Amino acid sequence: MKAWIAFSSILMKDMRSYYLKPPNISWGLIFPVAWTLMFFLRSPVPVAVRDLLPGVMALSILFGTTSMLAVTITFERKNRSFERLLLAPISLNLLMLAKTSGAVLFGVFNAFVPVLFASFMITLSEVNWFMVLGSVLLIAVTSTFLGLFIAVSVSQVFEAQTFSNFFRFPMLFLCGLFIPLSELPVFIRPLSYALPLTYGVDILKTAINGDGVIAVSLNFLMLAAFSIFLFSYSTYNVNRKWIL
């Protein structure tokens, strides 16, 4: 019960204090909505909304979650308030999970903004919503832990945002969001399969359009493996650089 109280207190404090900061509003809220409108309303002729939906959903999650962690962790590290949290009588893993859970929830919320717009344009009755929910949650978790990995590697918010873009913008073109993996040059495809978002987008494509190219079980397994690795490496960095 004490662990749960600590977890929920840290989560609610972050949501009140940081989630409406300017970097979050611009990158986490306005940017995904702007991209959604750009793709869905970019021309007066009908667009393939169903084909674009998986990529736009994944993009919304990626930018929303990574922007959250860039603000919450780096702001607290700069103000030295994170050091006070490290003194709390809770495990480091629980502390980091509490710091990242809000970003996961924010990413899940962001994912369904494009779905809301798409629902006014096409019918979504044939979508496998169970698979969509599972993939959205895992993409949010993996992207959040990627943001955590970035946040613990820098000391300033602008550095975190810049470093985040080093990962985020290549993913636009390499993870099959809008360009199918089969159309990428052969020598680039191995890099695509080394990025976690590739597997999340493929699940969404299977759930929404039925045109995924990787086995669903492998996609879920790879996302889980990326999540474990990113979280473990991030907590290792905190232990090595911020505590010892």
Protein backbone atom coordinates (compact mmCIF):
# COMPACT_ATOMS: atom_id res chain seq x y z
CA MET A 1 0.00 0.00 0.00
CA LYS A 2 2.85 2.43 0.83
CA ALA A 3 4.49 1.68 -2.51
CA TRP A 4 1.20 2.35 -4.31
CA ILE A 5 0.74 5.67 -2.46
CA ALA A 6 4.27 6.74 -3.43
CA PHE A 7 3.70 5.67 -7.04
CA SER A 8 0.40 7.53 -7.40
CA SER A 9 1.72 10.64 -5.62
CA ILE A 10 4.70 10.96 -7.98
CA LEU A 11 2.48 10.34 -11.01
CA MET A 12 -0.11 12.96 -10.02
CA LYS A 13 2.58 15.50 -9.12
CA ASP A 14 4.18 15.16 -12.56
CA MET A 15 0.83 15.51 -14.31
CA ARG A 16 0.04 18.70 -12.41
CA SER A 17 3.49 20.25 -12.64
CA TYR A 18 4.90 19.38 -16.04
CA TYR A 19 2.36 18.18 -18.57
CA LEU A 20 1.30 21.67 -19.65
CA LYS A 21 4.81 23.02 -20.07
CA PRO A 22 5.45 24.73 -23.46
CA PRO A 23 7.67 21.90 -24.87
CA ASN A 24 4.94 19.39 -24.07
CA ILE A 25 2.21 21.50 -25.62
CA SER A 26 4.16 22.13 -28.82
CA TRP A 27 5.73 18.71 -29.39
CA GLY A 28 3.35 16.48 -27.45
CA LEU A 29 -0.03 17.97 -28.38
CA ILE A 30 0.08 20.48 -31.23
CA PHE A 31 2.58 18.60 -33.39
CA PRO A 32 0.68 15.26 -33.53
CA VAL A 33 -2.64 17.04 -34.17
CA ALA A 34 -1.05 19.17 -36.90
CA TRP A 35 0.43 16.06 -38.56
CA THR A 36 -2.93 14.31 -38.37
CA LEU A 37 -4.74 17.19 -40.02
CA MET A 38 -1.99 17.54 -42.62
CA PHE A 39 -2.29 13.93 -43.71
CA PHE A 40 -6.07 13.58 -43.50
CA LEU A 41 -6.98 16.99 -44.92
CA ARG A 42 -4.03 17.68 -47.18
CA SER A 43 -6.03 17.80 -50.44
CA PRO A 44 -9.62 18.31 -51.59
CA VAL A 45 -9.71 14.80 -53.05
CA PRO A 46 -10.25 11.73 -50.84
CA VAL A 47 -7.12 10.29 -49.23
CA ALA A 48 -6.45 6.74 -48.11
CA VAL A 49 -7.23 7.46 -44.47
CA ARG A 50 -7.16 3.80 -43.47
CA ASP A 51 -3.69 3.36 -44.96
CA LEU A 52 -2.35 6.47 -43.23
CA LEU A 53 -3.96 5.82 -39.84
CA PRO A 54 -1.38 3.34 -38.41
CA GLY A 55 1.52 5.66 -39.21
CA VAL A 56 -0.17 8.76 -37.83
CA MET A 57 -1.14 6.94 -34.63
CA ALA A 58 2.41 5.71 -34.08
CA LEU A 59 3.77 9.19 -34.82
CA SER A 60 1.43 10.75 -32.26
CA ILE A 61 2.54 8.29 -29.60
CA LEU A 62 6.24 8.72 -30.36
CA PHE A 63 6.30 12.52 -30.18
CA GLY A 64 3.92 12.69 -27.22
CA THR A 65 5.78 10.27 -24.97
CA THR A 66 9.33 11.36 -25.74
CA SER A 67 8.39 15.01 -25.22
CA MET A 68 6.92 14.20 -21.79
CA LEU A 69 10.07 12.54 -20.47
CA ALA A 70 12.34 15.23 -21.91
CA VAL A 71 10.52 17.73 -19.70
CA THR A 72 9.80 15.84 -16.48
CA ILE A 73 13.20 14.21 -15.95
CA THR A 74 15.45 17.04 -17.18
CA PHE A 75 13.50 19.78 -15.38
CA GLU A 76 13.74 17.92 -12.09
CA ARG A 77 17.38 17.08 -12.58
CA LYS A 78 18.19 20.73 -13.33
CA ASN A 79 16.24 21.93 -10.25
CA ARG A 80 17.77 19.12 -8.14
CA SER A 81 14.32 17.96 -7.08
CA PHE A 82 14.98 14.55 -8.61
CA GLU A 83 17.71 14.04 -6.03
CA ARG A 84 15.13 14.38 -3.26
CA LEU A 85 13.05 11.66 -4.92
CA LEU A 86 16.10 9.41 -4.95
CA LEU A 87 16.22 9.73 -1.16
CA ALA A 88 12.66 8.42 -0.80
CA PRO A 89 12.32 4.95 0.76
CA ILE A 90 11.20 3.30 -2.49
CA SER A 91 13.11 1.27 -5.03
CA LEU A 92 14.68 2.99 -8.02
CA ASN A 93 12.66 0.80 -10.40
CA LEU A 94 9.38 1.86 -8.79
CA LEU A 95 10.47 5.50 -8.87
CA MET A 96 11.29 5.35 -12.59
CA LEU A 97 8.06 3.52 -13.35
CA ALA A 98 6.15 6.26 -11.55
CA LYS A 99 8.01 8.93 -13.52
CA THR A 100 7.20 7.22 -16.83
CA SER A 101 3.61 6.05 -16.29
CA GLY A 102 2.15 9.48 -16.98
CA ALA A 103 3.92 9.64 -20.33
CA VAL A 104 2.55 6.20 -21.22
CA LEU A 105 -0.99 7.37 -20.47
CA PHE A 106 -0.38 10.55 -22.44
CA GLY A 107 0.89 8.50 -25.40
CA VAL A 108 -2.18 6.26 -25.35
CA PHE A 109 -4.40 9.34 -25.33
CA ASN A 110 -2.45 10.85 -28.24
CA ALA A 111 -2.85 7.65 -30.26
CA PHE A 112 -6.62 7.99 -30.38
CA VAL A 113 -6.64 11.62 -31.55
CA PRO A 114 -6.09 10.46 -35.17
CA VAL A 115 -8.68 7.72 -34.63
CA LEU A 116 -11.21 10.39 -33.66
CA PHE A 117 -10.54 12.35 -36.85
CA ALA A 118 -10.58 9.18 -38.97
CA SER A 119 -13.93 8.07 -37.52
CA PHE A 120 -15.61 11.04 -39.22
CA MET A 121 -14.18 10.04 -42.60
CA ILE A 122 -14.28 6.23 -42.77
CA THR A 123 -15.91 3.31 -41.03
CA LEU A 124 -13.73 1.53 -38.48
CA SER A 125 -16.02 -1.39 -37.76
CA GLU A 126 -13.59 -3.98 -39.17
CA VAL A 127 -10.66 -2.88 -37.02
CA ASN A 128 -9.29 -5.41 -34.51
CA TRP A 129 -9.54 -3.12 -31.49
CA PHE A 130 -8.08 -5.65 -29.08
CA MET A 131 -4.89 -5.78 -31.15
CA VAL A 132 -4.92 -2.01 -31.58
CA LEU A 133 -5.11 -1.46 -27.81
CA GLY A 134 -2.29 -3.92 -27.18
CA SER A 135 -0.05 -2.36 -29.80
CA VAL A 136 -0.81 1.21 -28.71
CA LEU A 137 0.07 0.36 -25.12
CA LEU A 138 3.33 -1.35 -26.07
CA ILE A 139 4.33 1.43 -28.47
CA ALA A 140 3.63 3.96 -25.71
CA VAL A 141 5.71 1.98 -23.21
CA THR A 142 8.62 1.50 -25.62
CA SER A 143 8.58 5.13 -26.78
CA THR A 144 8.39 6.33 -23.17
CA PHE A 145 11.41 4.25 -22.20
CA LEU A 146 13.21 5.60 -25.27
CA GLY A 147 12.44 9.07 -23.94
CA LEU A 148 13.73 8.00 -20.52
CA PHE A 149 16.93 6.74 -22.11
CA ILE A 150 17.37 10.14 -23.79
CA ALA A 151 16.43 12.16 -20.70
CA VAL A 152 18.95 10.47 -18.41
CA SER A 153 21.70 11.04 -21.00
CA VAL A 154 21.45 14.86 -21.04
CA SER A 155 21.13 17.69 -18.53
CA GLN A 156 19.04 20.38 -20.29
CA VAL A 157 15.54 20.31 -21.78
CA PHE A 158 16.68 21.72 -25.14
CA GLU A 159 19.38 19.04 -25.28
CA ALA A 160 16.78 16.35 -24.66
CA GLN A 161 14.50 17.69 -27.40
CA THR A 162 17.39 17.90 -29.86
CA PHE A 163 18.63 14.41 -28.98
CA SER A 164 15.06 13.10 -29.27
CA ASN A 165 14.81 14.40 -32.83
CA PHE A 166 17.96 12.44 -33.68
CA PHE A 167 15.85 9.31 -33.12
CA ARG A 168 12.36 10.54 -34.00
CA PHE A 169 12.78 12.00 -37.46
CA PRO A 170 14.67 9.03 -38.97
CA MET A 171 11.85 6.81 -37.68
CA LEU A 172 9.41 8.73 -39.89
CA PHE A 173 11.08 7.22 -42.95
CA LEU A 174 12.63 3.99 -41.69
CA CYS A 175 9.86 2.35 -39.64
CA GLY A 176 7.21 1.84 -42.32
CA LEU A 177 4.96 4.62 -41.05
CA PHE A 178 4.25 5.99 -44.51
CA ILE A 179 6.81 4.23 -46.74
CA PRO A 180 6.43 0.41 -46.82
CA LEU A 181 9.53 -1.46 -45.72
CA SER A 182 9.54 -3.35 -49.04
CA GLU A 183 10.09 -0.07 -50.88
CA LEU A 184 13.15 0.92 -48.86
CA PRO A 185 16.62 0.21 -50.28
CA VAL A 186 17.89 -3.21 -49.28
CA PHE A 187 20.91 -1.84 -47.44
CA ILE A 188 18.67 0.38 -45.23
CA ARG A 189 16.17 -2.30 -44.16
CA PRO A 190 18.42 -3.80 -41.42
CA LEU A 191 18.39 -0.38 -39.74
CA SER A 192 14.59 -0.37 -39.92
CA TYR A 193 14.41 -3.68 -38.09
CA ALA A 194 16.73 -2.30 -35.39
CA LEU A 195 14.14 0.38 -34.47
CA PRO A 196 11.29 -0.52 -32.09
CA LEU A 197 8.65 1.58 -33.83
CA THR A 198 8.86 -0.69 -36.91
CA TYR A 199 7.25 -3.52 -34.97
CA GLY A 200 4.56 -1.35 -33.41
CA VAL A 201 3.52 0.09 -36.76
CA ASP A 202 3.37 -3.38 -38.27
CA ILE A 203 0.92 -4.51 -35.56
CA LEU A 204 -1.27 -1.48 -36.22
CA LYS A 205 -1.21 -2.21 -39.94
CA THR A 206 -2.30 -5.78 -39.27
CA ALA A 207 -5.06 -4.68 -36.91
CA ILE A 208 -6.42 -1.86 -39.09
CA ASN A 209 -5.71 -2.95 -42.67
CA GLY A 210 -4.56 -6.55 -42.44
CA ASP A 211 -1.39 -5.80 -44.40
CA GLY A 212 1.36 -6.31 -41.79
CA VAL A 213 4.48 -8.12 -43.01
CA ILE A 214 5.84 -9.47 -39.71
CA ALA A 215 4.28 -12.12 -37.48
CA VAL A 216 2.18 -10.46 -34.77
CA SER A 217 3.72 -12.59 -32.02
CA LEU A 218 7.22 -11.54 -33.11
CA ASN A 219 6.17 -7.89 -33.14
CA PHE A 220 4.90 -8.06 -29.56
CA LEU A 221 7.98 -9.98 -28.46
CA MET A 222 10.35 -7.44 -30.01
CA LEU A 223 8.50 -4.48 -28.46
CA ALA A 224 8.65 -6.14 -25.05
CA ALA A 225 12.38 -6.83 -25.50
CA PHE A 226 13.08 -3.21 -26.49
CA SER A 227 11.08 -1.96 -23.49
CA ILE A 228 13.01 -4.13 -21.04
CA PHE A 229 16.36 -3.16 -22.54
CA LEU A 230 15.67 0.59 -22.60
CA PHE A 231 14.28 0.65 -19.06
CA SER A 232 17.12 -1.48 -17.67
CA TYR A 233 19.80 0.59 -19.38
CA SER A 234 18.21 3.85 -18.21
CA THR A 235 18.06 2.76 -14.57
CA TYR A 236 21.66 1.54 -14.88
CA ASN A 237 22.67 5.00 -16.10
CA VAL A 238 20.85 6.65 -13.19
CA ASN A 239 22.63 4.35 -10.75
CA ARG A 240 26.01 4.96 -12.36
CA LYS A 241 25.83 8.72 -13.04
CA TRP A 242 23.37 10.15 -10.51
CA ILE A 243 23.76 7.99 -7.41
CA LEU A 244 27.22 6.44 -7.25
